[in-house]
Protein backbone atom coordinates (compact mmCIF):
# COMPACT_ATOMS: atom_id res chain seq x y z
CA MET A 1 -38.69 24.78 -114.46
CA SER A 2 -41.34 22.23 -113.50
CA ALA A 3 -42.12 22.05 -109.86
CA GLN A 4 -41.63 18.34 -109.41
CA PRO A 5 -39.24 15.88 -111.20
CA ARG A 6 -40.97 13.61 -113.77
CA LEU A 7 -40.72 9.87 -113.15
CA LEU A 8 -39.55 8.35 -116.34
CA PRO A 9 -40.92 5.06 -117.73
CA TRP A 10 -37.53 3.40 -117.54
CA SER A 11 -35.21 2.40 -114.79
CA GLY A 12 -31.65 3.37 -114.14
CA PRO A 13 -28.74 1.23 -113.00
CA ALA A 14 -29.75 -1.50 -110.44
CA GLY A 15 -33.48 -0.82 -111.34
CA LYS A 16 -33.60 2.48 -109.64
CA PRO A 17 -36.16 5.04 -110.79
CA CYS A 18 -35.09 7.72 -113.18
CA TYR A 19 -36.35 11.33 -112.99
CA LEU A 20 -36.33 14.20 -115.37
CA VAL A 21 -36.05 17.78 -114.18
CA SER A 22 -37.05 20.08 -117.07
CA ASP A 23 -37.86 23.65 -117.78
CA ALA A 24 -39.41 22.62 -121.16
CA ASP A 25 -42.93 22.03 -119.73
CA GLY A 26 -43.26 18.57 -121.39
CA GLU A 27 -42.07 19.90 -124.74
CA GLY A 28 -38.38 18.83 -124.54
CA PHE A 29 -36.79 15.83 -126.25
CA LEU A 30 -36.65 13.64 -123.21
CA SER A 31 -40.19 14.48 -122.22
CA GLN A 32 -41.43 13.50 -125.73
CA LEU A 33 -39.35 10.27 -125.65
CA ALA A 34 -40.84 9.39 -122.29
CA ASP A 35 -44.37 10.03 -123.64
CA ASP A 36 -43.60 7.85 -126.56
CA MET A 37 -42.25 5.08 -124.37
CA GLU A 38 -45.27 5.22 -122.01
CA ALA A 39 -47.57 4.84 -125.08
CA VAL A 40 -45.62 1.76 -126.27
CA GLN A 41 -45.63 0.25 -122.81
CA LEU A 42 -49.34 0.62 -122.35
CA ARG A 43 -50.08 -0.61 -125.90
CA MET A 44 -47.92 -3.72 -125.33
CA GLY A 45 -49.68 -4.34 -122.02
CA SER A 46 -53.03 -4.23 -123.70
CA GLU A 47 -51.88 -6.62 -126.46
CA LEU A 48 -50.38 -8.98 -123.78
CA LEU A 49 -53.72 -8.88 -121.97
CA ASP A 50 -55.53 -10.00 -125.13
CA HIS A 51 -52.94 -12.80 -125.58
CA ALA A 52 -53.39 -13.87 -121.93
CA GLY A 53 -57.07 -14.24 -122.32
CA ALA A 54 -56.63 -16.50 -125.29
CA LEU A 55 -53.91 -18.56 -123.56
CA LEU A 56 -55.76 -18.94 -120.36
CA GLY A 57 -58.83 -20.11 -122.34
CA ASN A 58 -56.77 -22.92 -123.77
CA PRO A 59 -57.07 -26.01 -121.57
CA LYS A 60 -53.97 -27.44 -123.25
CA ALA A 61 -51.66 -24.52 -122.41
CA GLU A 62 -48.26 -25.74 -121.22
CA PRO A 63 -46.93 -24.82 -117.77
CA GLY A 64 -43.90 -23.09 -119.39
CA GLU A 65 -46.21 -20.93 -121.54
CA LEU A 66 -48.13 -19.96 -118.46
CA ARG A 67 -44.98 -19.09 -116.50
CA PHE A 68 -43.70 -16.94 -119.41
CA LEU A 69 -47.10 -15.23 -119.66
CA SER A 70 -47.02 -14.56 -115.88
CA SER A 71 -43.58 -13.07 -116.17
CA ARG A 72 -44.67 -10.81 -119.05
CA LEU A 73 -47.86 -9.78 -117.18
CA VAL A 74 -45.78 -8.80 -114.17
CA GLU A 75 -43.53 -6.59 -116.33
CA ALA A 76 -46.65 -4.98 -118.08
CA LEU A 77 -48.30 -4.36 -114.65
CA ARG A 78 -44.99 -2.79 -113.34
CA ASP A 79 -44.78 -0.62 -116.46
CA ALA A 80 -48.52 0.52 -116.16
CA LEU A 81 -48.11 1.32 -112.50
CA ARG A 82 -45.05 3.45 -113.13
CA VAL A 83 -46.93 5.27 -115.92
CA ALA A 84 -49.87 5.87 -113.55
CA GLU A 85 -47.53 7.12 -110.82
CA SER A 86 -45.75 9.39 -113.12
CA ARG A 87 -49.01 10.86 -114.62
CA GLY A 88 -50.59 11.15 -111.22
CA ARG A 89 -47.66 13.15 -109.90
CA ARG A 90 -48.21 15.64 -112.78
CA LEU A 91 -51.91 16.19 -112.24
CA PRO A 92 -52.77 19.66 -111.10
CA VAL A 93 -53.63 19.82 -107.45
CA SER A 94 -56.53 22.05 -106.00
CA ASP A 95 -56.34 24.09 -102.86
CA ASP A 96 -57.58 21.16 -100.66
CA ASP A 97 -54.69 18.96 -101.95
CA GLY A 98 -56.92 16.70 -104.13
CA PRO A 99 -56.77 16.61 -107.92
CA VAL A 100 -58.53 19.40 -109.70
CA GLY A 101 -62.04 18.17 -110.66
CA ALA A 102 -62.14 15.37 -108.09
CA SER A 103 -65.53 15.12 -106.43
CA GLU A 104 -65.82 14.72 -102.63
CA VAL A 105 -67.34 11.51 -101.50
CA ASP A 106 -70.03 12.05 -98.81
CA GLU A 107 -69.88 9.55 -95.93
């Protein structure tokens, strides 16, 4: 069984986070479904960012279009942050509690 529950890329009732506790080491059906959903969310965010660049470059863009774009960008950012949090939690940790391979910054 995995040491820590996986944060899934979708929310439960009332917007609460959903977690997966699995002994399949990322190979189970729900883990694969979550991987696929994360890929879709990140791809959609990237496509939205391209669209935002074009719309923001249009001086004739309507306020309604810009509000709609802003709402979709907020959703995409929320999805991307959830993916980052989920993946960050699954990174291996070294003995000094930092990610494996992370270099120390000299001050």
